[in-house]
PDB file of all heavy atoms in Angstrom:
ATOM      1  N   SER A   1      17.147  28.017   2.402  1.00  0.00           N
ATOM      2  CA  SER A   1      16.363  26.785   2.435  1.00  0.00           C
ATOM      3  C   SER A   1      14.985  27.010   1.865  1.00  0.00           C
ATOM      4  O   SER A   1      14.442  28.131   1.904  1.00  0.00           O
ATOM      5  CB  SER A   1      16.219  26.298   3.869  1.00  0.00           C
ATOM      6  OG  SER A   1      17.472  25.998   4.430  1.00  0.00           O
ATOM      7  N   LEU A   2      14.413  25.940   1.341  1.00  0.00           N
ATOM      8  CA  LEU A   2      13.018  25.912   0.910  1.00  0.00           C
ATOM      9  C   LEU A   2      12.472  24.521   1.225  1.00  0.00           C
ATOM     10  O   LEU A   2      13.214  23.542   1.233  1.00  0.00           O
ATOM     11  CB  LEU A   2      12.889  26.151  -0.622  1.00  0.00           C
ATOM     12  CG  LEU A   2      13.025  27.575  -1.141  1.00  0.00           C
ATOM     13  CD1 LEU A   2      13.015  27.550  -2.652  1.00  0.00           C
ATOM     14  CD2 LEU A   2      11.927  28.476  -0.627  1.00  0.00           C
ATOM     15  N   ARG A   3      11.162  24.471   1.441  1.00  0.00           N
ATOM     16  CA  ARG A   3      10.531  23.182   1.557  1.00  0.00           C
ATOM     17  C   ARG A   3       9.441  23.074   0.517  1.00  0.00           C
ATOM     18  O   ARG A   3       8.484  23.846   0.527  1.00  0.00           O
ATOM     19  CB  ARG A   3       9.915  22.951   2.933  1.00  0.00           C
ATOM     20  CG  ARG A   3       9.387  21.513   3.102  1.00  0.00           C
ATOM     21  CD  ARG A   3       8.885  21.209   4.498  1.00  0.00           C
ATOM     22  NE  ARG A   3       7.541  21.707   4.714  1.00  0.00           N
ATOM     23  CZ  ARG A   3       6.702  21.191   5.618  1.00  0.00           C
ATOM     24  NH1 ARG A   3       7.087  20.179   6.395  1.00  0.00           N
ATOM     25  NH2 ARG A   3       5.498  21.735   5.776  1.00  0.00           N
ATOM     26  N   LEU A   4       9.579  22.115  -0.369  1.00  0.00           N
ATOM     27  CA  LEU A   4       8.566  21.845  -1.378  1.00  0.00           C
ATOM     28  C   LEU A   4       7.560  20.842  -0.867  1.00  0.00           C
ATOM     29  O   LEU A   4       7.897  19.935  -0.101  1.00  0.00           O
ATOM     30  CB  LEU A   4       9.198  21.303  -2.657  1.00  0.00           C
ATOM     31  CG  LEU A   4      10.300  22.137  -3.293  1.00  0.00           C
ATOM     32  CD1 LEU A   4      10.754  21.466  -4.598  1.00  0.00           C
ATOM     33  CD2 LEU A   4       9.870  23.549  -3.511  1.00  0.00           C
ATOM     34  N   SER A   5       6.301  21.038  -1.275  1.00  0.00           N
ATOM     35  CA  SER A   5       5.252  20.096  -0.933  1.00  0.00           C
ATOM     36  C   SER A   5       4.604  19.586  -2.183  1.00  0.00           C
ATOM     37  O   SER A   5       4.565  20.280  -3.203  1.00  0.00           O
ATOM     38  CB  SER A   5       4.175  20.772  -0.059  1.00  0.00           C
ATOM     39  OG  SER A   5       4.730  21.229   1.156  1.00  0.00           O
ATOM     40  N   CYS A   6       4.085  18.387  -2.132  1.00  0.00           N
ATOM     41  CA  CYS A   6       3.364  17.796  -3.238  1.00  0.00           C
ATOM     42  C   CYS A   6       2.116  17.131  -2.666  1.00  0.00           C
ATOM     43  O   CYS A   6       2.203  16.107  -1.992  1.00  0.00           O
ATOM     44  CB  CYS A   6       4.235  16.753  -3.966  1.00  0.00           C
ATOM     45  SG  CYS A   6       3.375  15.825  -5.246  1.00  0.00           S
ATOM     46  N   ALA A   7       0.972  17.755  -2.923  1.00  0.00           N
ATOM     47  CA  ALA A   7      -0.304  17.236  -2.435  1.00  0.00           C
ATOM     48  C   ALA A   7      -0.890  16.274  -3.455  1.00  0.00           C
ATOM     49  O   ALA A   7      -1.002  16.621  -4.649  1.00  0.00           O
ATOM     50  CB  ALA A   7      -1.261  18.397  -2.159  1.00  0.00           C
ATOM     51  N   ALA A   8      -1.263  15.113  -3.000  1.00  0.00           N
ATOM     52  CA  ALA A   8      -1.775  14.067  -3.906  1.00  0.00           C
ATOM     53  C   ALA A   8      -3.241  13.804  -3.624  1.00  0.00           C
ATOM     54  O   ALA A   8      -3.674  13.762  -2.476  1.00  0.00           O
ATOM     55  CB  ALA A   8      -0.988  12.786  -3.718  1.00  0.00           C
ATOM     56  N   SER A   9      -3.992  13.629  -4.685  1.00  0.00           N
ATOM     57  CA  SER A   9      -5.377  13.220  -4.558  1.00  0.00           C
ATOM     58  C   SER A   9      -5.424  11.672  -4.558  1.00  0.00           C
ATOM     59  O   SER A   9      -4.441  11.032  -4.863  1.00  0.00           O
ATOM     60  CB  SER A   9      -6.216  13.744  -5.722  1.00  0.00           C
ATOM     61  OG  SER A   9      -5.797  13.141  -6.930  1.00  0.00           O
ATOM     62  N   GLY A  10      -6.558  11.140  -4.216  1.00  0.00           N
ATOM     63  CA  GLY A  10      -6.668   9.674  -4.241  1.00  0.00           C
ATOM     64  C   GLY A  10      -6.588   9.089  -2.877  1.00  0.00           C
ATOM     65  O   GLY A  10      -5.949   9.602  -1.969  1.00  0.00           O
ATOM     66  N   ARG A  11      -7.252   7.926  -2.713  1.00  0.00           N
ATOM     67  CA  ARG A  11      -7.343   7.324  -1.392  1.00  0.00           C
ATOM     68  C   ARG A  11      -6.186   6.382  -1.073  1.00  0.00           C
ATOM     69  O   ARG A  11      -6.080   5.928   0.056  1.00  0.00           O
ATOM     70  CB  ARG A  11      -8.656   6.524  -1.303  1.00  0.00           C
ATOM     71  CG  ARG A  11      -9.888   7.384  -1.426  1.00  0.00           C
ATOM     72  CD  ARG A  11     -11.142   6.510  -1.442  1.00  0.00           C
ATOM     73  NE  ARG A  11     -11.170   5.643  -2.612  1.00  0.00           N
ATOM     74  CZ  ARG A  11     -12.042   4.678  -2.786  1.00  0.00           C
ATOM     75  NH1 ARG A  11     -12.925   4.400  -1.859  1.00  0.00           N
ATOM     76  NH2 ARG A  11     -12.017   3.952  -3.886  1.00  0.00           N
ATOM     77  N   THR A  12      -5.329   6.098  -2.068  1.00  0.00           N
ATOM     78  CA  THR A  12      -4.288   5.107  -1.856  1.00  0.00           C
ATOM     79  C   THR A  12      -2.913   5.717  -1.887  1.00  0.00           C
ATOM     80  O   THR A  12      -1.946   5.059  -2.298  1.00  0.00           O
ATOM     81  CB  THR A  12      -4.395   3.971  -2.886  1.00  0.00           C
ATOM     82  OG1 THR A  12      -4.287   4.556  -4.214  1.00  0.00           O
ATOM     83  CG2 THR A  12      -5.680   3.230  -2.733  1.00  0.00           C
ATOM     84  N   PHE A  13      -2.805   6.957  -1.461  1.00  0.00           N
ATOM     85  CA  PHE A  13      -1.494   7.634  -1.454  1.00  0.00           C
ATOM     86  C   PHE A  13      -0.447   6.789  -0.721  1.00  0.00           C
ATOM     87  O   PHE A  13       0.702   6.734  -1.105  1.00  0.00           O
ATOM     88  CB  PHE A  13      -1.610   9.006  -0.794  1.00  0.00           C
ATOM     89  CG  PHE A  13      -0.285   9.699  -0.628  1.00  0.00           C
ATOM     90  CD1 PHE A  13       0.320  10.323  -1.706  1.00  0.00           C
ATOM     91  CD2 PHE A  13       0.328   9.750   0.614  1.00  0.00           C
ATOM     92  CE1 PHE A  13       1.553  10.975  -1.563  1.00  0.00           C
ATOM     93  CE2 PHE A  13       1.542  10.411   0.780  1.00  0.00           C
ATOM     94  CZ  PHE A  13       2.142  11.030  -0.316  1.00  0.00           C
ATOM     95  N   SER A  14      -0.870   6.130   0.347  1.00  0.00           N
ATOM     96  CA  SER A  14       0.090   5.357   1.161  1.00  0.00           C
ATOM     97  C   SER A  14       0.748   4.236   0.384  1.00  0.00           C
ATOM     98  O   SER A  14       1.786   3.726   0.787  1.00  0.00           O
ATOM     99  CB  SER A  14      -0.573   4.822   2.422  1.00  0.00           C
ATOM    100  OG  SER A  14      -1.644   3.970   2.055  1.00  0.00           O
ATOM    101  N   SER A  15       0.163   3.820  -0.728  1.00  0.00           N
ATOM    102  CA  SER A  15       0.744   2.730  -1.507  1.00  0.00           C
ATOM    103  C   SER A  15       1.642   3.247  -2.625  1.00  0.00           C
ATOM    104  O   SER A  15       2.230   2.459  -3.376  1.00  0.00           O
ATOM    105  CB  SER A  15      -0.363   1.875  -2.143  1.00  0.00           C
ATOM    106  OG  SER A  15      -1.033   2.578  -3.172  1.00  0.00           O
ATOM    107  N   TYR A  16       1.797   4.569  -2.745  1.00  0.00           N
ATOM    108  CA  TYR A  16       2.570   5.123  -3.846  1.00  0.00           C
ATOM    109  C   TYR A  16       4.047   5.232  -3.453  1.00  0.00           C
ATOM    110  O   TYR A  16       4.362   5.740  -2.387  1.00  0.00           O
ATOM    111  CB  TYR A  16       2.107   6.526  -4.207  1.00  0.00           C
ATOM    112  CG  TYR A  16       0.684   6.657  -4.637  1.00  0.00           C
ATOM    113  CD1 TYR A  16       0.013   7.863  -4.511  1.00  0.00           C
ATOM    114  CD2 TYR A  16      -0.025   5.594  -5.173  1.00  0.00           C
ATOM    115  CE1 TYR A  16      -1.298   8.009  -4.921  1.00  0.00           C
ATOM    116  CE2 TYR A  16      -1.339   5.728  -5.595  1.00  0.00           C
ATOM    117  CZ  TYR A  16      -1.980   6.937  -5.460  1.00  0.00           C
ATOM    118  OH  TYR A  16      -3.264   7.059  -5.842  1.00  0.00           O
ATOM    119  N   ALA A  17       4.922   4.820  -4.355  1.00  0.00           N
ATOM    120  CA  ALA A  17       6.300   5.216  -4.278  1.00  0.00           C
ATOM    121  C   ALA A  17       6.354   6.624  -4.904  1.00  0.00           C
ATOM    122  O   ALA A  17       5.667   6.873  -5.888  1.00  0.00           O
ATOM    123  CB  ALA A  17       7.181   4.255  -5.070  1.00  0.00           C
ATOM    124  N   MET A  18       7.151   7.504  -4.314  1.00  0.00           N
ATOM    125  CA  MET A  18       7.151   8.894  -4.721  1.00  0.00           C
ATOM    126  C   MET A  18       8.554   9.340  -5.083  1.00  0.00           C
ATOM    127  O   MET A  18       9.559   8.799  -4.567  1.00  0.00           O
ATOM    128  CB  MET A  18       6.616   9.784  -3.597  1.00  0.00           C
ATOM    129  CG  MET A  18       5.227   9.435  -3.104  1.00  0.00           C
ATOM    130  SD  MET A  18       3.955   9.715  -4.344  1.00  0.00           S
ATOM    131  CE  MET A  18       4.051  11.500  -4.533  1.00  0.00           C
ATOM    132  N   GLY A  19       8.601  10.353  -5.926  1.00  0.00           N
ATOM    133  CA  GLY A  19       9.904  10.860  -6.318  1.00  0.00           C
ATOM    134  C   GLY A  19       9.862  12.359  -6.593  1.00  0.00           C
ATOM    135  O   GLY A  19       8.799  12.939  -6.804  1.00  0.00           O
ATOM    136  N   TRP A  20      11.022  12.961  -6.548  1.00  0.00           N
ATOM    137  CA  TRP A  20      11.229  14.348  -6.963  1.00  0.00           C
ATOM    138  C   TRP A  20      12.243  14.357  -8.103  1.00  0.00           C
ATOM    139  O   TRP A  20      13.296  13.689  -8.019  1.00  0.00           O
ATOM    140  CB  TRP A  20      11.743  15.220  -5.824  1.00  0.00           C
ATOM    141  CG  TRP A  20      10.756  15.569  -4.770  1.00  0.00           C
ATOM    142  CD1 TRP A  20      10.611  14.982  -3.549  1.00  0.00           C
ATOM    143  CD2 TRP A  20       9.751  16.576  -4.850  1.00  0.00           C
ATOM    144  NE1 TRP A  20       9.576  15.567  -2.864  1.00  0.00           N
ATOM    145  CE2 TRP A  20       9.017  16.563  -3.610  1.00  0.00           C
ATOM    146  CE3 TRP A  20       9.391  17.538  -5.812  1.00  0.00           C
ATOM    147  CZ2 TRP A  20       7.994  17.439  -3.357  1.00  0.00           C
ATOM    148  CZ3 TRP A  20       8.350  18.394  -5.531  1.00  0.00           C
ATOM    149  CH2 TRP A  20       7.660  18.348  -4.342  1.00  0.00           C
ATOM    150  N   PHE A  21      11.926  15.099  -9.120  1.00  0.00           N
ATOM    151  CA  PHE A  21      12.823  15.302 -10.255  1.00  0.00           C
ATOM    152  C   PHE A  21      12.923  16.794 -10.509  1.00  0.00           C
ATOM    153  O   PHE A  21      12.091  17.570 -10.023  1.00  0.00           O
ATOM    154  CB  PHE A  21      12.287  14.594 -11.522  1.00  0.00           C
ATOM    155  CG  PHE A  21      12.361  13.095 -11.410  1.00  0.00           C
ATOM    156  CD1 PHE A  21      11.425  12.411 -10.659  1.00  0.00           C
ATOM    157  CD2 PHE A  21      13.330  12.377 -12.075  1.00  0.00           C
ATOM    158  CE1 PHE A  21      11.479  11.003 -10.565  1.00  0.00           C
ATOM    159  CE2 PHE A  21      13.403  10.995 -11.980  1.00  0.00           C
ATOM    160  CZ  PHE A  21      12.457  10.317 -11.209  1.00  0.00           C
ATOM    161  N   ARG A  22      13.907  17.214 -11.286  1.00  0.00           N
ATOM    162  CA  ARG A  22      14.026  18.631 -11.625  1.00  0.00           C
ATOM    163  C   ARG A  22      14.539  18.765 -13.055  1.00  0.00           C
ATOM    164  O   ARG A  22      15.209  17.884 -13.609  1.00  0.00           O
ATOM    165  CB  ARG A  22      14.924  19.353 -10.644  1.00  0.00           C
ATOM    166  CG  ARG A  22      16.395  18.928 -10.700  1.00  0.00           C
ATOM    167  CD  ARG A  22      17.166  19.611  -9.581  1.00  0.00           C
ATOM    168  NE  ARG A  22      18.603  19.261  -9.610  1.00  0.00           N
ATOM    169  CZ  ARG A  22      19.487  19.617  -8.664  1.00  0.00           C
ATOM    170  NH1 ARG A  22      19.071  20.309  -7.606  1.00  0.00           N
ATOM    171  NH2 ARG A  22      20.746  19.261  -8.773  1.00  0.00           N
ATOM    172  N   GLN A  23      14.210  19.903 -13.641  1.00  0.00           N
ATOM    173  CA  GLN A  23      14.664  20.211 -14.978  1.00  0.00           C
ATOM    174  C   GLN A  23      15.078  21.677 -15.059  1.00  0.00           C
ATOM    175  O   GLN A  23      14.249  22.557 -14.854  1.00  0.00           O
ATOM    176  CB  GLN A  23      13.615  19.884 -16.018  1.00  0.00           C
ATOM    177  CG  GLN A  23      14.104  20.008 -17.450  1.00  0.00           C
ATOM    178  CD  GLN A  23      13.150  19.400 -18.463  1.00  0.00           C
ATOM    179  OE1 GLN A  23      11.936  19.228 -18.169  1.00  0.00           O
ATOM    180  NE2 GLN A  23      13.658  19.074 -19.625  1.00  0.00           N
ATOM    181  N   ALA A  24      16.335  21.880 -15.356  1.00  0.00           N
ATOM    182  CA  ALA A  24      16.860  23.233 -15.540  1.00  0.00           C
ATOM    183  C   ALA A  24      16.725  23.608 -17.023  1.00  0.00           C
ATOM    184  O   ALA A  24      16.660  22.742 -17.891  1.00  0.00           O
ATOM    185  CB  ALA A  24      18.302  23.307 -15.091  1.00  0.00           C
ATOM    186  N   PRO A  25      16.699  24.918 -17.321  1.00  0.00           N
ATOM    187  CA  PRO A  25      16.585  25.340 -18.713  1.00  0.00           C
ATOM    188  C   PRO A  25      17.684  24.747 -19.577  1.00  0.00           C
ATOM    189  O   PRO A  25      18.869  24.812 -19.223  1.00  0.00           O
ATOM    190  CB  PRO A  25      16.715  26.869 -18.621  1.00  0.00           C
ATOM    191  CG  PRO A  25      16.236  27.196 -17.237  1.00  0.00           C
ATOM    192  CD  PRO A  25      16.714  26.053 -16.387  1.00  0.00           C
ATOM    193  N   GLY A  26      17.302  24.183 -20.699  1.00  0.00           N
ATOM    194  CA  GLY A  26      18.265  23.623 -21.636  1.00  0.00           C
ATOM    195  C   GLY A  26      18.857  22.290 -21.234  1.00  0.00           C
ATOM    196  O   GLY A  26      19.738  21.771 -21.904  1.00  0.00           O
ATOM    197  N   LYS A  27      18.355  21.737 -20.127  1.00  0.00           N
ATOM    198  CA  LYS A  27      18.885  20.460 -19.654  1.00  0.00           C
ATOM    199  C   LYS A  27      17.765  19.440 -19.576  1.00  0.00           C
ATOM    200  O   LYS A  27      16.596  19.760 -19.538  1.00  0.00           O
ATOM    201  CB  LYS A  27      19.544  20.625 -18.290  1.00  0.00           C
ATOM    202  CG  LYS A  27      20.786  21.523 -18.293  1.00  0.00           C
ATOM    203  CD  LYS A  27      21.457  21.496 -16.942  1.00  0.00           C
ATOM    204  CE  LYS A  27      22.727  22.338 -16.949  1.00  0.00           C
ATOM    205  NZ  LYS A  27      23.426  22.308 -15.622  1.00  0.00           N
ATOM    206  N   GLU A  28      18.213  18.163 -19.522  1.00  0.00           N
ATOM    207  CA  GLU A  28      17.226  17.107 -19.382  1.00  0.00           C
ATOM    208  C   GLU A  28      16.752  17.011 -17.932  1.00  0.00           C
ATOM    209  O   GLU A  28      17.432  17.409 -17.014  1.00  0.00           O
ATOM    210  CB  GLU A  28      17.838  15.779 -19.836  1.00  0.00           C
ATOM    211  CG  GLU A  28      18.164  15.727 -21.331  1.00  0.00           C
ATOM    212  CD  GLU A  28      18.588  14.345 -21.763  1.00  0.00           C
ATOM    213  OE1 GLU A  28      18.786  13.471 -20.903  1.00  0.00           O
ATOM    214  OE2 GLU A  28      18.719  14.134 -22.993  1.00  0.00           O
ATOM    215  N   ARG A  29      15.598  16.401 -17.789  1.00  0.00           N
ATOM    216  CA  ARG A  29      15.077  16.159 -16.435  1.00  0.00           C
ATOM    217  C   ARG A  29      16.005  15.196 -15.706  1.00  0.00           C
ATOM    218  O   ARG A  29      16.537  14.237 -16.282  1.00  0.00           O
ATOM    219  CB  ARG A  29      13.691  15.537 -16.539  1.00  0.00           C
ATOM    220  CG  ARG A  29      13.006  15.256 -15.217  1.00  0.00           C
ATOM    221  CD  ARG A  29      11.668  14.612 -15.461  1.00  0.00           C
ATOM    222  NE  ARG A  29      11.807  13.309 -16.090  1.00  0.00           N
ATOM    223  CZ  ARG A  29      10.812  12.632 -16.665  1.00  0.00           C
ATOM    224  NH1 ARG A  29       9.619  13.172 -16.697  1.00  0.00           N
ATOM    225  NH2 ARG A  29      11.035  11.451 -17.208  1.00  0.00           N
ATOM    226  N   GLU A  30      16.250  15.478 -14.405  1.00  0.00           N
ATOM    227  CA  GLU A  30      17.132  14.626 -13.649  1.00  0.00           C
ATOM    228  C   GLU A  30      16.495  14.232 -12.325  1.00  0.00           C
ATOM    229  O   GLU A  30      15.694  14.963 -11.748  1.00  0.00           O
ATOM    230  CB  GLU A  30      18.486  15.322 -13.404  1.00  0.00           C
ATOM    231  CG  GLU A  30      18.415  16.535 -12.530  1.00  0.00           C
ATOM    232  CD  GLU A  30      19.798  17.104 -12.197  1.00  0.00           C
ATOM    233  OE1 GLU A  30      20.807  16.499 -12.598  1.00  0.00           O
ATOM    234  OE2 GLU A  30      19.849  18.134 -11.497  1.00  0.00           O
ATOM    235  N   PHE A  31      16.910  13.080 -11.867  1.00  0.00           N
ATOM    236  CA  PHE A  31      16.436  12.550 -10.582  1.00  0.00           C
ATOM    237  C   PHE A  31      17.012  13.367  -9.431  1.00  0.00           C
ATOM    238  O   PHE A  31      18.167  13.788  -9.453  1.00  0.00           O
ATOM    239  CB  PHE A  31      16.891  11.102 -10.473  1.00  0.00           C
ATOM    240  CG  PHE A  31      16.773  10.508  -9.100  1.00  0.00           C
ATOM    241  CD1 PHE A  31      15.517  10.177  -8.589  1.00  0.00           C
ATOM    242  CD2 PHE A  31      17.874  10.284  -8.341  1.00  0.00           C
ATOM    243  CE1 PHE A  31      15.389   9.649  -7.321  1.00  0.00           C
ATOM    244  CE2 PHE A  31      17.757   9.761  -7.056  1.00  0.00           C
ATOM    245  CZ  PHE A  31      16.523   9.435  -6.561  1.00  0.00           C
ATOM    246  N   VAL A  32      16.171  13.596  -8.425  1.00  0.00           N
ATOM    247  CA  VAL A  32      16.598  14.297  -7.226  1.00  0.00           C
ATOM    248  C   VAL A  32      16.541  13.379  -5.997  1.00  0.00           C
ATOM    249  O   VAL A  32      17.534  13.200  -5.293  1.00  0.00           O
ATOM    250  CB  VAL A  32      15.754  15.551  -6.976  1.00  0.00           C
ATOM    251  CG1 VAL A  32      16.147  16.231  -5.668  1.00  0.00           C
ATOM    252  CG2 VAL A  32      15.886  16.522  -8.152  1.00  0.00           C
ATOM    253  N   ALA A  33      15.354  12.832  -5.739  1.00  0.00           N
ATOM    254  CA  ALA A  33      15.168  11.993  -4.564  1.00  0.00           C
ATOM    255  C   ALA A  33      13.977  11.101  -4.756  1.00  0.00           C
ATOM    256  O   ALA A  33      13.065  11.433  -5.522  1.00  0.00           O
ATOM    257  CB  ALA A  33      15.001  12.855  -3.306  1.00  0.00           C
ATOM    258  N   ALA A  34      13.948   9.979  -4.052  1.00  0.00           N
ATOM    259  CA  ALA A  34      12.854   9.026  -4.162  1.00  0.00           C
ATOM    260  C   ALA A  34      12.602   8.331  -2.825  1.00  0.00           C
ATOM    261  O   ALA A  34      13.531   8.202  -2.011  1.00  0.00           O
ATOM    262  CB  ALA A  34      13.132   7.996  -5.255  1.00  0.00           C
TER     263      ALA A  34
END
């Protein structure tokens, strides 16, 4: 297991829709979670 974190600057983080994407070598970026 691993836990990734994403720290955001800005005062309006609570209004952001957020997502995780990933890109493997030689492959296109793909959606992971939102």
